[in-house]
Protein backbone atom coordinates (compact mmCIF):
# COMPACT_ATOMS: atom_id res chain seq x y z
CA MET A 1 -4.70 5.07 14.88
CA GLY A 2 -0.46 4.72 14.66
CA CYS A 3 1.44 2.08 12.45
CA GLU A 4 0.41 -0.60 13.65
CA ARG A 5 -2.89 -0.31 11.89
CA PHE A 6 -0.92 -0.69 9.02
CA LEU A 7 1.89 -3.49 9.49
CA TRP A 8 -0.04 -6.70 8.79
CA ARG A 9 2.70 -9.67 9.09
CA ARG A 10 4.71 -8.09 11.62
CA ARG A 11 2.52 -6.08 13.64
CA ARG A 12 3.49 -8.55 16.81
CA ARG A 13 7.50 -6.88 16.73
CA LEU A 14 5.69 -3.40 17.18
CA ARG A 15 5.49 -1.85 20.52
CA PRO A 16 1.76 -0.44 20.39
CA ARG A 17 1.92 2.28 22.74
CA TYR A 18 4.35 4.34 20.22
CA ARG A 19 2.67 6.21 17.55
CA VAL A 20 6.05 7.10 15.93
CA ARG A 21 8.09 4.54 14.20
CA ARG A 22 11.47 4.29 15.36
CA LEU A 23 13.69 3.25 12.07
CA ALA A 24 16.40 1.39 14.13
CA GLN A 25 13.73 -0.50 16.23
CA ASP A 26 10.77 -1.08 14.37
CA PRO A 27 10.21 -3.23 11.06
CA PRO A 28 8.94 -1.03 7.70
CA PRO A 29 5.61 -1.45 7.16
CA ASP A 30 4.46 -4.36 4.77
CA LEU A 31 2.89 -2.21 2.05
CA VAL A 32 2.90 1.78 1.39
CA VAL A 33 -0.23 3.13 -0.72
CA GLU A 34 1.04 6.46 -2.35
CA VAL A 35 -1.41 9.43 -4.22
CA ASP A 36 0.94 10.73 -6.18
CA ILE A 37 -0.60 13.23 -8.01
CA THR A 38 1.17 16.26 -7.36
CA HIS A 39 4.55 14.69 -8.94
CA THR A 40 7.28 15.30 -6.48
CA ASP A 41 11.10 15.15 -7.02
CA ILE A 42 11.62 13.00 -4.44
CA ALA A 43 12.79 9.61 -5.76
CA LYS A 44 9.95 7.64 -3.54
CA ASN A 45 11.21 3.91 -5.01
CA GLN A 46 14.97 4.45 -3.59
CA PHE A 47 13.70 5.81 -0.36
CA TYR A 48 10.80 2.94 0.39
CA ALA A 49 13.71 0.20 -1.10
CA GLY A 50 15.88 1.85 1.45
CA LEU A 51 13.90 1.30 4.34
CA GLY A 52 13.09 -2.09 3.50
CA VAL A 53 8.96 -1.93 2.61
CA PRO A 54 8.23 -4.95 0.68
CA GLU A 55 5.35 -3.47 -1.15
CA PHE A 56 4.68 -0.14 -2.54
CA TRP A 57 1.39 0.85 -4.84
CA ARG A 58 1.38 4.21 -6.51
CA PHE A 59 -1.37 6.09 -8.24
CA ASP A 60 -0.87 9.06 -10.11
CA GLY A 61 -4.35 10.13 -11.02
CA GLN A 62 -4.00 7.70 -13.36
CA ILE A 63 -2.53 4.78 -13.31
CA TRP A 64 -2.12 2.51 -10.40
CA ARG A 65 1.49 0.49 -10.41
CA ILE A 66 2.09 -1.97 -7.89
CA TYR A 67 5.91 -2.86 -6.95
CA ARG A 68 7.40 -5.49 -4.84
CA LEU A 69 10.53 -5.45 -3.58
CA GLU A 70 13.11 -8.16 -4.99
CA SER A 71 17.53 -7.74 -4.39
CA GLY A 72 16.76 -4.11 -3.05
CA VAL A 73 14.58 -3.06 -6.28
CA TYR A 74 11.53 -2.62 -6.61
CA VAL A 75 9.70 -4.51 -9.64
CA GLU A 76 6.66 -4.15 -11.36
CA GLY A 77 3.66 -6.39 -11.31
CA ASP A 78 0.30 -7.12 -11.81
CA ARG A 79 -1.38 -8.17 -8.82
CA SER A 80 0.05 -7.34 -5.10
CA PRO A 81 1.91 -10.30 -3.43
CA MET A 82 0.01 -8.90 -0.37
CA PHE A 83 -3.23 -9.37 -1.15
CA PRO A 84 -3.06 -11.54 -4.65
CA GLN A 85 -6.79 -12.08 -4.28
CA VAL A 86 -7.41 -8.49 -5.91
CA PRO A 87 -6.71 -7.67 -9.38
CA LYS A 88 -5.58 -4.24 -10.96
CA ASP A 89 -8.69 -3.91 -12.15
CA TRP A 90 -10.93 -3.88 -9.38
CA LEU A 91 -8.25 -0.99 -7.64
CA TYR A 92 -9.35 1.54 -10.89
CA GLU A 93 -13.17 0.39 -10.49
CA PHE A 94 -12.97 1.30 -6.54
CA LEU A 95 -11.68 4.33 -7.13
CA GLY A 96 -14.22 5.38 -9.76
CA MET A 97 -17.30 4.34 -7.42
CA ALA A 98 -15.35 6.09 -4.71
CA ARG A 99 -15.03 9.47 -6.10
CA GLU A 100 -19.28 9.69 -6.19
CA ASP A 101 -20.03 7.42 -3.03
CA GLU A 102 -16.72 6.36 -0.55
CA ILE A 103 -19.52 3.81 1.54
CA GLY A 104 -21.09 2.48 -1.75
CA ALA A 105 -17.13 1.80 -2.96
CA MET A 106 -16.66 0.43 0.73
CA GLY A 107 -19.27 -1.83 0.45
CA TRP A 108 -18.67 -2.77 -2.74
CA LEU A 109 -15.21 -4.02 -2.11
CA ARG A 110 -16.31 -6.08 0.72
CA ASP A 111 -18.87 -8.00 -1.27
CA ARG A 112 -16.39 -8.79 -3.80
CA PHE A 113 -14.00 -10.53 -0.94
CA SER A 114 -17.61 -12.60 -0.07
CA VAL A 115 -18.34 -14.43 -2.81
């Protein structure tokens, strides 16, 4: 379960036998999802932008933020460019359900896509 599972659009450019990302050769991930409950002092937006990650989601325990990279800077939006069919409300509902029943929450999300 290396980084190739998280690179949807550019996975063909990776060499699958490697598990460690080689910054000089491998493309950045298409999406980074971060749960930041501890509120570190690291400027993650700048870090991920410097790597060229096109989309970055952050959940701070209360608010989901969806950012897309534009001209080297993250701009916040209401929908994911990678998953435009997923409204932000679904993410909140999913998290609420997953706190009680992770498997049930996954089924709920899967059912939303099959409609």
